[in-house]
Amino acid sequence: MFDSIALGLIKSMGHSGTVPGAIQKEGLPAALQRLEQALASREVPPPDNDSDDANSDDPEPRVSMAHRALPLLNMLKSAIREGDYIIWDK
């Protein structure tokens, strides 16, 4: 995950954004809830379907923040299920 995106998601969980960082198992449910709320409230513009994709200058499709957050959401849910914690580093 790109640094700026990862830091934004970490901050959305209620963490300061320091790297390296961690969230203890007791804090994971609240972090997950905050992240899900932040993703749900974010206004992400849909891709421009009116443009001709074959003539587009940007060959890469736009990826929503909700889609980019899926690995983090899955990791949080797994850690909660397993009674574990998460850590991150560069």
PDB file of N, CA and C in Angstrom:
ATOM      1  N   MET A   1       0.852  -1.166   0.000  1.00  0.00           N
ATOM      2  CA  MET A   1       0.000   0.000   0.000  1.00  0.00           C
ATOM      3  C   MET A   1       0.901   1.234   0.000  1.00  0.00           C
ATOM      4  N   PHE A   2       0.538   2.231  -0.790  1.00  0.00           N
ATOM      5  CA  PHE A   2       1.322   3.455  -0.851  1.00  0.00           C
ATOM      6  C   PHE A   2       1.290   4.177   0.495  1.00  0.00           C
ATOM      7  N   ASP A   3       2.396   4.849   0.833  1.00  0.00           N
ATOM      8  CA  ASP A   3       2.521   5.510   2.132  1.00  0.00           C
ATOM      9  C   ASP A   3       1.361   6.452   2.445  1.00  0.00           C
ATOM     10  N   SER A   4       1.037   7.348   1.522  1.00  0.00           N
ATOM     11  CA  SER A   4       0.011   8.349   1.807  1.00  0.00           C
ATOM     12  C   SER A   4      -1.357   7.698   2.019  1.00  0.00           C
ATOM     13  N   ILE A   5      -1.649   6.669   1.256  1.00  0.00           N
ATOM     14  CA  ILE A   5      -2.924   5.968   1.415  1.00  0.00           C
ATOM     15  C   ILE A   5      -2.950   5.217   2.738  1.00  0.00           C
ATOM     16  N   ALA A   6      -1.870   4.507   3.032  1.00  0.00           N
ATOM     17  CA  ALA A   6      -1.789   3.739   4.281  1.00  0.00           C
ATOM     18  C   ALA A   6      -1.910   4.659   5.487  1.00  0.00           C
ATOM     19  N   LEU A   7      -1.204   5.785   5.478  1.00  0.00           N
ATOM     20  CA  LEU A   7      -1.274   6.708   6.617  1.00  0.00           C
ATOM     21  C   LEU A   7      -2.678   7.282   6.778  1.00  0.00           C
ATOM     22  N   GLY A   8      -3.334   7.582   5.676  1.00  0.00           N
ATOM     23  CA  GLY A   8      -4.708   8.075   5.755  1.00  0.00           C
ATOM     24  C   GLY A   8      -5.644   7.058   6.375  1.00  0.00           C
ATOM     25  N   LEU A   9      -5.474   5.792   5.991  1.00  0.00           N
ATOM     26  CA  LEU A   9      -6.321   4.734   6.558  1.00  0.00           C
ATOM     27  C   LEU A   9      -6.010   4.513   8.035  1.00  0.00           C
ATOM     28  N   ILE A  10      -4.735   4.567   8.398  1.00  0.00           N
ATOM     29  CA  ILE A  10      -4.333   4.400   9.799  1.00  0.00           C
ATOM     30  C   ILE A  10      -4.928   5.525  10.646  1.00  0.00           C
ATOM     31  N   LYS A  11      -4.860   6.749  10.135  1.00  0.00           N
ATOM     32  CA  LYS A  11      -5.432   7.885  10.866  1.00  0.00           C
ATOM     33  C   LYS A  11      -6.956   7.762  10.956  1.00  0.00           C
ATOM     34  N   SER A  12      -7.584   7.200   9.916  1.00  0.00           N
ATOM     35  CA  SER A  12      -9.038   7.000   9.951  1.00  0.00           C
ATOM     36  C   SER A  12      -9.449   6.018  11.038  1.00  0.00           C
ATOM     37  N   MET A  13      -8.522   5.138  11.446  1.00  0.00           N
ATOM     38  CA  MET A  13      -8.806   4.184  12.517  1.00  0.00           C
ATOM     39  C   MET A  13      -8.693   4.837  13.890  1.00  0.00           C
ATOM     40  N   GLY A  14      -8.251   6.096  13.932  1.00  0.00           N
ATOM     41  CA  GLY A  14      -8.105   6.798  15.198  1.00  0.00           C
ATOM     42  C   GLY A  14      -6.690   6.782  15.735  1.00  0.00           C
ATOM     43  N   HIS A  15      -5.745   6.298  14.962  1.00  0.00           N
ATOM     44  CA  HIS A  15      -4.348   6.253  15.388  1.00  0.00           C
ATOM     45  C   HIS A  15      -3.668   7.552  14.954  1.00  0.00           C
ATOM     46  N   SER A  16      -2.583   7.898  15.616  1.00  0.00           N
ATOM     47  CA  SER A  16      -1.877   9.133  15.304  1.00  0.00           C
ATOM     48  C   SER A  16      -1.214   9.109  13.939  1.00  0.00           C
ATOM     49  N   GLY A  17      -0.939   7.934  13.415  1.00  0.00           N
ATOM     50  CA  GLY A  17      -0.268   7.818  12.129  1.00  0.00           C
ATOM     51  C   GLY A  17       1.229   7.658  12.247  1.00  0.00           C
ATOM     52  N   THR A  18       1.712   7.470  13.462  1.00  0.00           N
ATOM     53  CA  THR A  18       3.150   7.266  13.624  1.00  0.00           C
ATOM     54  C   THR A  18       3.563   5.925  13.019  1.00  0.00           C
ATOM     55  N   VAL A  19       4.783   5.910  12.492  1.00  0.00           N
ATOM     56  CA  VAL A  19       5.338   4.695  11.901  1.00  0.00           C
ATOM     57  C   VAL A  19       6.704   4.486  12.517  1.00  0.00           C
ATOM     58  N   PRO A  20       6.981   3.336  13.088  1.00  0.00           N
ATOM     59  CA  PRO A  20       6.117   2.169  13.223  1.00  0.00           C
ATOM     60  C   PRO A  20       5.019   2.414  14.255  1.00  0.00           C
ATOM     61  N   GLY A  21       4.015   1.571  14.195  1.00  0.00           N
ATOM     62  CA  GLY A  21       2.886   1.697  15.109  1.00  0.00           C
ATOM     63  C   GLY A  21       2.198   0.363  15.318  1.00  0.00           C
ATOM     64  N   ALA A  22       1.247   0.366  16.234  1.00  0.00           N
ATOM     65  CA  ALA A  22       0.521  -0.866  16.552  1.00  0.00           C
ATOM     66  C   ALA A  22      -0.814  -0.520  17.202  1.00  0.00           C
ATOM     67  N   ILE A  23      -1.720  -1.481  17.140  1.00  0.00           N
ATOM     68  CA  ILE A  23      -2.978  -1.393  17.873  1.00  0.00           C
ATOM     69  C   ILE A  23      -3.143  -2.700  18.627  1.00  0.00           C
ATOM     70  N   GLN A  24      -3.307  -2.580  19.944  1.00  0.00           N
ATOM     71  CA  GLN A  24      -3.494  -3.766  20.765  1.00  0.00           C
ATOM     72  C   GLN A  24      -4.855  -4.387  20.492  1.00  0.00           C
ATOM     73  N   LYS A  25      -4.986  -5.652  20.842  1.00  0.00           N
ATOM     74  CA  LYS A  25      -6.215  -6.382  20.529  1.00  0.00           C
ATOM     75  C   LYS A  25      -7.454  -5.726  21.117  1.00  0.00           C
ATOM     76  N   GLU A  26      -7.339  -5.090  22.282  1.00  0.00           N
ATOM     77  CA  GLU A  26      -8.493  -4.440  22.908  1.00  0.00           C
ATOM     78  C   GLU A  26      -8.985  -3.241  22.086  1.00  0.00           C
ATOM     79  N   GLY A  27      -8.096  -2.619  21.334  1.00  0.00           N
ATOM     80  CA  GLY A  27      -8.458  -1.442  20.555  1.00  0.00           C
ATOM     81  C   GLY A  27      -8.913  -1.732  19.137  1.00  0.00           C
ATOM     82  N   LEU A  28      -8.800  -2.984  18.709  1.00  0.00           N
ATOM     83  CA  LEU A  28      -9.125  -3.322  17.324  1.00  0.00           C
ATOM     84  C   LEU A  28     -10.597  -3.145  16.950  1.00  0.00           C
ATOM     85  N   PRO A  29     -11.558  -3.578  17.780  1.00  0.00           N
ATOM     86  CA  PRO A  29     -12.960  -3.371  17.380  1.00  0.00           C
ATOM     87  C   PRO A  29     -13.297  -1.900  17.142  1.00  0.00           C
ATOM     88  N   ALA A  30     -12.822  -1.014  17.997  1.00  0.00           N
ATOM     89  CA  ALA A  30     -13.097   0.417  17.825  1.00  0.00           C
ATOM     90  C   ALA A  30     -12.386   0.951  16.581  1.00  0.00           C
ATOM     91  N   ALA A  31     -11.167   0.496  16.331  1.00  0.00           N
ATOM     92  CA  ALA A  31     -10.423   0.933  15.145  1.00  0.00           C
ATOM     93  C   ALA A  31     -11.152   0.492  13.878  1.00  0.00           C
ATOM     94  N   LEU A  32     -11.633  -0.729  13.863  1.00  0.00           N
ATOM     95  CA  LEU A  32     -12.380  -1.239  12.715  1.00  0.00           C
ATOM     96  C   LEU A  32     -13.647  -0.419  12.492  1.00  0.00           C
ATOM     97  N   GLN A  33     -14.367  -0.134  13.562  1.00  0.00           N
ATOM     98  CA  GLN A  33     -15.602   0.643  13.447  1.00  0.00           C
ATOM     99  C   GLN A  33     -15.312   2.047  12.905  1.00  0.00           C
ATOM    100  N   ARG A  34     -14.272   2.698  13.417  1.00  0.00           N
ATOM    101  CA  ARG A  34     -13.927   4.047  12.943  1.00  0.00           C
ATOM    102  C   ARG A  34     -13.538   4.028  11.466  1.00  0.00           C
ATOM    103  N   LEU A  35     -12.764   3.014  11.063  1.00  0.00           N
ATOM    104  CA  LEU A  35     -12.345   2.917   9.668  1.00  0.00           C
ATOM    105  C   LEU A  35     -13.554   2.687   8.762  1.00  0.00           C
ATOM    106  N   GLU A  36     -14.446   1.785   9.141  1.00  0.00           N
ATOM    107  CA  GLU A  36     -15.639   1.528   8.338  1.00  0.00           C
ATOM    108  C   GLU A  36     -16.515   2.779   8.227  1.00  0.00           C
ATOM    109  N   GLN A  37     -16.644   3.531   9.319  1.00  0.00           N
ATOM    110  CA  GLN A  37     -17.443   4.760   9.288  1.00  0.00           C
ATOM    111  C   GLN A  37     -16.784   5.805   8.380  1.00  0.00           C
ATOM    112  N   ALA A  38     -15.470   5.916   8.462  1.00  0.00           N
ATOM    113  CA  ALA A  38     -14.757   6.883   7.620  1.00  0.00           C
ATOM    114  C   ALA A  38     -14.907   6.536   6.144  1.00  0.00           C
ATOM    115  N   LEU A  39     -14.821   5.262   5.824  1.00  0.00           N
ATOM    116  CA  LEU A  39     -14.966   4.844   4.430  1.00  0.00           C
ATOM    117  C   LEU A  39     -16.386   5.054   3.931  1.00  0.00           C
ATOM    118  N   ALA A  40     -17.374   4.796   4.787  1.00  0.00           N
ATOM    119  CA  ALA A  40     -18.779   4.952   4.394  1.00  0.00           C
ATOM    120  C   ALA A  40     -19.147   6.414   4.181  1.00  0.00           C
ATOM    121  N   SER A  41     -18.537   7.325   4.921  1.00  0.00           N
ATOM    122  CA  SER A  41     -18.907   8.734   4.828  1.00  0.00           C
ATOM    123  C   SER A  41     -18.121   9.486   3.758  1.00  0.00           C
ATOM    124  N   ARG A  42     -17.087   8.872   3.236  1.00  0.00           N
ATOM    125  CA  ARG A  42     -16.243   9.550   2.244  1.00  0.00           C
ATOM    126  C   ARG A  42     -16.962   9.620   0.902  1.00  0.00           C
ATOM    127  N   GLU A  43     -16.957  10.789   0.325  1.00  0.00           N
ATOM    128  CA  GLU A  43     -17.558  10.998  -0.982  1.00  0.00           C
ATOM    129  C   GLU A  43     -16.488  10.715  -2.042  1.00  0.00           C
ATOM    130  N   VAL A  44     -16.588   9.587  -2.689  1.00  0.00           N
ATOM    131  CA  VAL A  44     -15.632   9.221  -3.728  1.00  0.00           C
ATOM    132  C   VAL A  44     -16.336   9.343  -5.072  1.00  0.00           C
ATOM    133  N   PRO A  45     -15.821  10.210  -5.966  1.00  0.00           N
ATOM    134  CA  PRO A  45     -16.499  10.356  -7.252  1.00  0.00           C
ATOM    135  C   PRO A  45     -16.398   9.074  -8.073  1.00  0.00           C
ATOM    136  N   PRO A  46     -17.478   8.707  -8.748  1.00  0.00           N
ATOM    137  CA  PRO A  46     -17.432   7.499  -9.576  1.00  0.00           C
ATOM    138  C   PRO A  46     -16.554   7.732 -10.796  1.00  0.00           C
ATOM    139  N   PRO A  47     -16.055   6.653 -11.391  1.00  0.00           N
ATOM    140  CA  PRO A  47     -15.281   6.822 -12.626  1.00  0.00           C
ATOM    141  C   PRO A  47     -16.133   7.479 -13.695  1.00  0.00           C
ATOM    142  N   ASP A  48     -15.497   8.233 -14.558  1.00  0.00           N
ATOM    143  CA  ASP A  48     -16.197   8.925 -15.636  1.00  0.00           C
ATOM    144  C   ASP A  48     -16.563   7.924 -16.717  1.00  0.00           C
ATOM    145  N   ASN A  49     -17.815   7.491 -16.748  1.00  0.00           N
ATOM    146  CA  ASN A  49     -18.267   6.494 -17.721  1.00  0.00           C
ATOM    147  C   ASN A  49     -18.567   7.100 -19.085  1.00  0.00           C
ATOM    148  N   ASP A  50     -18.592   8.426 -19.167  1.00  0.00           N
ATOM    149  CA  ASP A  50     -18.911   9.070 -20.437  1.00  0.00           C
ATOM    150  C   ASP A  50     -17.714   9.142 -21.368  1.00  0.00           C
ATOM    151  N   SER A  51     -16.506   8.989 -20.827  1.00  0.00           N
ATOM    152  CA  SER A  51     -15.321   9.103 -21.668  1.00  0.00           C
ATOM    153  C   SER A  51     -15.063   7.803 -22.409  1.00  0.00           C
ATOM    154  N   ASP A  52     -14.412   7.909 -23.532  1.00  0.00           N
ATOM    155  CA  ASP A  52     -14.052   6.744 -24.327  1.00  0.00           C
ATOM    156  C   ASP A  52     -12.768   6.170 -23.752  1.00  0.00           C
ATOM    157  N   ASP A  53     -12.855   4.996 -23.110  1.00  0.00           N
ATOM    158  CA  ASP A  53     -11.692   4.393 -22.458  1.00  0.00           C
ATOM    159  C   ASP A  53     -10.552   4.147 -23.427  1.00  0.00           C
ATOM    160  N   ALA A  54     -10.834   3.865 -24.679  1.00  0.00           N
ATOM    161  CA  ALA A  54      -9.780   3.596 -25.651  1.00  0.00           C
ATOM    162  C   ALA A  54      -8.944   4.836 -25.925  1.00  0.00           C
ATOM    163  N   ASN A  55      -9.533   6.031 -25.765  1.00  0.00           N
ATOM    164  CA  ASN A  55      -8.813   7.268 -26.033  1.00  0.00           C
ATOM    165  C   ASN A  55      -8.352   7.964 -24.764  1.00  0.00           C
ATOM    166  N   SER A  56      -8.480   7.316 -23.644  1.00  0.00           N
ATOM    167  CA  SER A  56      -8.139   7.930 -22.365  1.00  0.00           C
ATOM    168  C   SER A  56      -6.631   8.082 -22.224  1.00  0.00           C
ATOM    169  N   ASP A  57      -6.201   9.202 -21.636  1.00  0.00           N
ATOM    170  CA  ASP A  57      -4.773   9.415 -21.350  1.00  0.00           C
ATOM    171  C   ASP A  57      -4.340   8.631 -20.124  1.00  0.00           C
ATOM    172  N   ASP A  58      -5.286   8.240 -19.274  1.00  0.00           N
ATOM    173  CA  ASP A  58      -4.994   7.501 -18.053  1.00  0.00           C
ATOM    174  C   ASP A  58      -5.423   6.050 -18.245  1.00  0.00           C
ATOM    175  N   PRO A  59      -4.457   5.154 -18.569  1.00  0.00           N
ATOM    176  CA  PRO A  59      -4.838   3.767 -18.855  1.00  0.00           C
ATOM    177  C   PRO A  59      -5.262   2.977 -17.620  1.00  0.00           C
ATOM    178  N   GLU A  60      -4.949   3.471 -16.442  1.00  0.00           N
ATOM    179  CA  GLU A  60      -5.281   2.760 -15.204  1.00  0.00           C
ATOM    180  C   GLU A  60      -6.644   3.175 -14.687  1.00  0.00           C
ATOM    181  N   PRO A  61      -7.477   2.215 -14.328  1.00  0.00           N
ATOM    182  CA  PRO A  61      -8.783   2.574 -13.751  1.00  0.00           C
ATOM    183  C   PRO A  61      -8.590   3.169 -12.355  1.00  0.00           C
ATOM    184  N   ARG A  62      -9.522   4.021 -11.960  1.00  0.00           N
ATOM    185  CA  ARG A  62      -9.472   4.607 -10.618  1.00  0.00           C
ATOM    186  C   ARG A  62      -9.870   3.553  -9.602  1.00  0.00           C
ATOM    187  N   VAL A  63      -9.168   3.561  -8.491  1.00  0.00           N
ATOM    188  CA  VAL A  63      -9.434   2.592  -7.426  1.00  0.00           C
ATOM    189  C   VAL A  63      -9.952   3.362  -6.217  1.00  0.00           C
ATOM    190  N   SER A  64     -11.121   2.996  -5.727  1.00  0.00           N
ATOM    191  CA  SER A  64     -11.716   3.702  -4.596  1.00  0.00           C
ATOM    192  C   SER A  64     -10.949   3.408  -3.312  1.00  0.00           C
ATOM    193  N   MET A  65     -11.092   4.323  -2.352  1.00  0.00           N
ATOM    194  CA  MET A  65     -10.457   4.114  -1.049  1.00  0.00           C
ATOM    195  C   MET A  65     -11.038   2.883  -0.363  1.00  0.00           C
ATOM    196  N   ALA A  66     -12.327   2.653  -0.534  1.00  0.00           N
ATOM    197  CA  ALA A  66     -12.951   1.472   0.071  1.00  0.00           C
ATOM    198  C   ALA A  66     -12.317   0.198  -0.476  1.00  0.00           C
ATOM    199  N   HIS A  67     -12.032   0.185  -1.762  1.00  0.00           N
ATOM    200  CA  HIS A  67     -11.404  -0.997  -2.362  1.00  0.00           C
ATOM    201  C   HIS A  67      -9.952  -1.133  -1.891  1.00  0.00           C
ATOM    202  N   ARG A  68      -9.241  -0.011  -1.808  1.00  0.00           N
ATOM    203  CA  ARG A  68      -7.859  -0.044  -1.332  1.00  0.00           C
ATOM    204  C   ARG A  68      -7.776  -0.499   0.121  1.00  0.00           C
ATOM    205  N   ALA A  69      -8.828  -0.231   0.886  1.00  0.00           N
ATOM    206  CA  ALA A  69      -8.831  -0.566   2.311  1.00  0.00           C
ATOM    207  C   ALA A  69      -9.175  -2.022   2.587  1.00  0.00           C
ATOM    208  N   LEU A  70      -9.628  -2.763   1.585  1.00  0.00           N
ATOM    209  CA  LEU A  70     -10.055  -4.152   1.811  1.00  0.00           C
ATOM    210  C   LEU A  70      -9.008  -5.013   2.512  1.00  0.00           C
ATOM    211  N   PRO A  71      -7.739  -4.985   2.114  1.00  0.00           N
ATOM    212  CA  PRO A  71      -6.761  -5.817   2.841  1.00  0.00           C
ATOM    213  C   PRO A  71      -6.645  -5.428   4.318  1.00  0.00           C
ATOM    214  N   LEU A  72      -6.697  -4.128   4.602  1.00  0.00           N
ATOM    215  CA  LEU A  72      -6.623  -3.678   5.992  1.00  0.00           C
ATOM    216  C   LEU A  72      -7.873  -4.096   6.766  1.00  0.00           C
ATOM    217  N   LEU A  73      -9.037  -3.944   6.153  1.00  0.00           N
ATOM    218  CA  LEU A  73     -10.279  -4.369   6.806  1.00  0.00           C
ATOM    219  C   LEU A  73     -10.242  -5.866   7.111  1.00  0.00           C
ATOM    220  N   ASN A  74      -9.785  -6.654   6.152  1.00  0.00           N
ATOM    221  CA  ASN A  74      -9.688  -8.101   6.359  1.00  0.00           C
ATOM    222  C   ASN A  74      -8.687  -8.446   7.464  1.00  0.00           C
ATOM    223  N   MET A  75      -7.571  -7.717   7.495  1.00  0.00           N
ATOM    224  CA  MET A  75      -6.576  -7.963   8.538  1.00  0.00           C
ATOM    225  C   MET A  75      -7.136  -7.615   9.918  1.00  0.00           C
ATOM    226  N   LEU A  76      -7.847  -6.504  10.032  1.00  0.00           N
ATOM    227  CA  LEU A  76      -8.448  -6.126  11.308  1.00  0.00           C
ATOM    228  C   LEU A  76      -9.454  -7.175  11.772  1.00  0.00           C
ATOM    229  N   LYS A  77     -10.319  -7.616  10.870  1.00  0.00           N
ATOM    230  CA  LYS A  77     -11.326  -8.622  11.221  1.00  0.00           C
ATOM    231  C   LYS A  77     -10.668  -9.940  11.633  1.00  0.00           C
ATOM    232  N   SER A  78      -9.621 -10.329  10.938  1.00  0.00           N
ATOM    233  CA  SER A  78      -8.901 -11.559  11.271  1.00  0.00           C
ATOM    234  C   SER A  78      -8.227 -11.444  12.635  1.00  0.00           C
ATOM    235  N   ALA A  79      -7.597 -10.303  12.898  1.00  0.00           N
ATOM    236  CA  ALA A  79      -6.932 -10.107  14.189  1.00  0.00           C
ATOM    237  C   ALA A  79      -7.945 -10.130  15.327  1.00  0.00           C
ATOM    238  N   ILE A  80      -9.118  -9.536  15.111  1.00  0.00           N
ATOM    239  CA  ILE A  80     -10.172  -9.559  16.132  1.00  0.00           C
ATOM    240  C   ILE A  80     -10.611 -10.995  16.392  1.00  0.00           C
ATOM    241  N   ARG A  81     -10.840 -11.743  15.309  1.00  0.00           N
ATOM    242  CA  ARG A  81     -11.269 -13.145  15.430  1.00  0.00           C
ATOM    243  C   ARG A  81     -10.232 -13.981  16.169  1.00  0.00           C
ATOM    244  N   GLU A  82      -8.956 -13.742  15.898  1.00  0.00           N
ATOM    245  CA  GLU A  82      -7.869 -14.529  16.475  1.00  0.00           C
ATOM    246  C   GLU A  82      -7.407 -13.998  17.837  1.00  0.00           C
ATOM    247  N   GLY A  83      -7.925 -12.853  18.257  1.00  0.00           N
ATOM    248  CA  GLY A  83      -7.507 -12.258  19.523  1.00  0.00           C
ATOM    249  C   GLY A  83      -6.068 -11.770  19.472  1.00  0.00           C
ATOM    250  N   ASP A  84      -5.694 -11.217  18.323  1.00  0.00           N
ATOM    251  CA  ASP A  84      -4.317 -10.791  18.096  1.00  0.00           C
ATOM    252  C   ASP A  84      -4.267  -9.268  17.988  1.00  0.00           C
ATOM    253  N   TYR A  85      -3.125  -8.722  17.677  1.00  0.00           N
ATOM    254  CA  TYR A  85      -2.941  -7.284  17.489  1.00  0.00           C
ATOM    255  C   TYR A  85      -2.354  -7.066  16.106  1.00  0.00           C
ATOM    256  N   ILE A  86      -2.283  -5.806  15.661  1.00  0.00           N
ATOM    257  CA  ILE A  86      -1.643  -5.514  14.395  1.00  0.00           C
ATOM    258  C   ILE A  86      -0.526  -4.495  14.606  1.00  0.00           C
ATOM    259  N   ILE A  87       0.492  -4.611  13.782  1.00  0.00           N
ATOM    260  CA  ILE A  87       1.598  -3.660  13.787  1.00  0.00           C
ATOM    261  C   ILE A  87       1.890  -3.258  12.341  1.00  0.00           C
ATOM    262  N   TRP A  88       2.512  -2.119  12.164  1.00  0.00           N
ATOM    263  CA  TRP A  88       2.931  -1.684  10.834  1.00  0.00           C
ATOM    264  C   TRP A  88       4.264  -0.973  10.941  1.00  0.00           C
ATOM    265  N   ASP A  89       4.972  -1.020   9.839  1.00  0.00           N
ATOM    266  CA  ASP A  89       6.293  -0.406   9.718  1.00  0.00           C
ATOM    267  C   ASP A  89       6.516  -0.096   8.251  1.00  0.00           C
ATOM    268  N   LYS A  90       7.507   0.680   7.955  1.00  0.00           N
ATOM    269  CA  LYS A  90       7.823   0.976   6.557  1.00  0.00           C
ATOM    270  C   LYS A  90       8.533  -0.166   5.918  1.00  0.00           C
TER     271      LYS A  90
END
